Amino acid sequence: MKRTASAVWKGGLKDGKGSISTESGVLSDTQYSFATRFEEGKGTNPEELIAAAHAGCFSMALSAQLGTENKTAEKIETEAAVTLLKTDAGFTITAVHLKVRAKVPGATPPDFQKAAEAAKAGCPISRLLKAEITMETKLEGWT
């Protein structure tokens, strides 16, 4: 399986503008710029897209892990927060924090936590990133 995306950038770093497109067409000439990356401009940025990819990948991986225990989630909500810091090597994604909330009939908190840890380790996006990945989980219906 191979998926493609493309980016076009015009101009200098701070005054330039770019667009991102995906093979599927879900993103089509989606605007990004210095302001959308480092300030509060309108548009997307690479780190936001990585966060979205990680949240989606993790949610699917968790669903697969639960399936190995014959459990099916009614809903899995994952928020991924990507941290970009300037290091000696340059700007680097240093951390990702996954905030996971799910409703899984028949699951206990320990079983859910075990499945979530396995999903975090097994998700292809998790394996791609050379960042610290932390996670907090909440199984709905338990206190």
Protein backbone atom coordinates (compact mmCIF):
# COMPACT_ATOMS: atom_id res chain seq x y z
CA MET A 1 0.00 0.00 0.00
CA LYS A 2 1.28 3.45 -0.89
CA ARG A 3 -0.46 6.77 -0.26
CA THR A 4 0.63 10.10 -1.66
CA ALA A 5 0.26 13.75 -0.84
CA SER A 6 1.90 16.83 -2.30
CA ALA A 7 2.80 20.33 -1.24
CA VAL A 8 3.52 23.49 -3.21
CA TRP A 9 5.31 26.45 -1.57
CA LYS A 10 5.67 29.92 -3.12
CA GLY A 11 7.78 32.70 -1.67
CA GLY A 12 9.99 33.15 1.36
CA LEU A 13 9.57 31.39 4.68
CA LYS A 14 7.66 34.12 6.53
CA ASP A 15 5.85 35.80 3.64
CA GLY A 16 5.28 32.75 1.46
CA LYS A 17 2.26 30.54 1.19
CA GLY A 18 1.74 26.90 0.43
CA SER A 19 -0.93 24.38 -0.32
CA ILE A 20 -1.25 20.70 0.50
CA SER A 21 -3.21 18.14 -1.51
CA THR A 22 -3.84 14.43 -1.05
CA GLU A 23 -4.30 11.71 -3.63
CA SER A 24 -7.82 11.03 -2.30
CA GLY A 25 -8.81 14.66 -2.78
CA VAL A 26 -9.86 15.07 0.85
CA LEU A 27 -7.27 17.83 1.02
CA SER A 28 -7.20 19.84 -2.17
CA ASP A 29 -5.00 22.93 -2.29
CA THR A 30 -5.44 23.30 1.47
CA GLN A 31 -3.63 26.47 2.55
CA TYR A 32 -0.72 26.55 4.97
CA SER A 33 1.83 29.23 5.83
CA PHE A 34 4.28 30.44 8.44
CA ALA A 35 1.33 32.01 10.28
CA THR A 36 -0.68 28.77 10.33
CA ARG A 37 2.34 26.90 11.63
CA PHE A 38 3.88 29.24 14.18
CA GLU A 39 1.15 31.81 14.84
CA GLU A 40 -2.64 31.75 14.67
CA GLY A 41 -3.26 32.04 10.94
CA LYS A 42 -6.17 30.37 9.14
CA GLY A 43 -5.23 27.08 7.51
CA THR A 44 -3.45 23.90 8.50
CA ASN A 45 0.16 22.93 9.17
CA PRO A 46 2.28 19.78 9.08
CA GLU A 47 2.10 19.21 12.84
CA GLU A 48 -1.70 19.44 12.87
CA LEU A 49 -1.84 16.91 10.05
CA ILE A 50 0.50 14.57 11.96
CA ALA A 51 -1.75 14.93 15.03
CA ALA A 52 -4.79 14.05 12.92
CA ALA A 53 -2.99 11.08 11.38
CA HIS A 54 -1.87 9.84 14.79
CA ALA A 55 -5.35 10.19 16.33
CA GLY A 56 -6.93 8.31 13.44
CA CYS A 57 -4.28 5.61 13.34
CA PHE A 58 -4.40 5.05 17.09
CA SER A 59 -8.21 4.85 17.15
CA MET A 60 -8.17 2.15 14.46
CA ALA A 61 -5.33 0.28 16.22
CA LEU A 62 -7.28 0.37 19.49
CA SER A 63 -10.36 -0.99 17.74
CA ALA A 64 -8.24 -3.85 16.37
CA GLN A 65 -6.75 -4.57 19.81
CA LEU A 66 -10.21 -4.65 21.39
CA GLY A 67 -11.33 -7.01 18.63
CA THR A 68 -8.69 -9.55 19.67
CA GLU A 69 -10.55 -9.68 22.99
CA ASN A 70 -13.93 -9.99 21.24
CA LYS A 71 -14.87 -6.46 22.27
CA THR A 72 -16.31 -3.79 19.98
CA ALA A 73 -16.19 -0.14 20.92
CA GLU A 74 -19.35 1.88 20.56
CA LYS A 75 -17.11 4.92 20.27
CA ILE A 76 -13.42 5.78 20.52
CA GLU A 77 -12.43 9.45 20.70
CA THR A 78 -8.74 10.25 20.44
CA GLU A 79 -7.13 13.67 20.62
CA ALA A 80 -3.44 13.88 19.72
CA ALA A 81 -1.46 16.94 20.82
CA VAL A 82 1.85 17.32 18.98
CA THR A 83 4.64 19.37 20.60
CA LEU A 84 7.08 21.13 18.26
CA LEU A 85 10.17 22.60 19.94
CA LYS A 86 13.34 24.23 18.71
CA THR A 87 16.20 21.93 19.68
CA ASP A 88 19.92 22.00 18.90
CA ALA A 89 19.08 19.98 15.77
CA GLY A 90 16.38 22.48 14.72
CA PHE A 91 12.60 22.38 15.06
CA THR A 92 11.63 18.88 16.18
CA ILE A 93 8.46 17.09 17.17
CA THR A 94 9.51 16.09 20.67
CA ALA A 95 6.28 14.69 22.09
CA VAL A 96 2.77 13.54 21.35
CA HIS A 97 0.10 13.22 24.02
CA LEU A 98 -2.86 11.00 23.25
CA LYS A 99 -6.07 11.65 25.16
CA VAL A 100 -8.38 8.68 24.67
CA ARG A 101 -11.99 8.28 25.73
CA ALA A 102 -14.01 5.26 24.74
CA LYS A 103 -17.21 3.38 25.40
CA VAL A 104 -16.61 -0.35 25.15
CA PRO A 105 -19.38 -2.64 26.40
CA GLY A 106 -18.01 -5.44 28.57
CA ALA A 107 -14.52 -3.95 28.94
CA THR A 108 -12.90 -3.34 32.31
CA PRO A 109 -10.45 -0.48 32.91
CA PRO A 110 -7.42 -2.83 33.15
CA ASP A 111 -8.37 -4.60 29.92
CA PHE A 112 -8.98 -1.28 28.20
CA GLN A 113 -5.64 0.13 29.40
CA LYS A 114 -3.81 -2.98 28.17
CA ALA A 115 -5.46 -2.67 24.74
CA ALA A 116 -4.66 1.06 24.60
CA GLU A 117 -0.98 0.46 25.45
CA ALA A 118 -0.75 -2.20 22.75
CA ALA A 119 -2.43 0.13 20.25
CA LYS A 120 -0.05 2.96 21.15
CA ALA A 121 2.94 0.70 20.57
CA GLY A 122 1.55 -0.92 17.42
CA CYS A 123 0.05 2.07 15.58
CA PRO A 124 2.18 2.72 12.45
CA ILE A 125 2.21 6.47 13.13
CA SER A 126 3.46 5.85 16.69
CA ARG A 127 6.26 3.71 15.28
CA LEU A 128 7.11 6.41 12.72
CA LEU A 129 7.60 9.17 15.27
CA LYS A 130 10.82 9.55 17.23
CA ALA A 131 9.03 11.42 19.99
CA GLU A 132 7.92 10.65 23.51
CA ILE A 133 4.34 9.42 23.31
CA THR A 134 2.27 9.75 26.46
CA MET A 135 -1.34 8.81 26.94
CA GLU A 136 -4.29 9.24 29.26
CA THR A 137 -7.32 7.02 28.94
CA LYS A 138 -10.88 7.04 30.17
CA LEU A 139 -13.30 4.18 29.79
CA GLU A 140 -16.83 5.58 29.94
CA GLY A 141 -19.14 3.94 32.45
CA TRP A 142 -16.34 3.49 35.02
CA THR A 143 -15.28 5.92 37.74
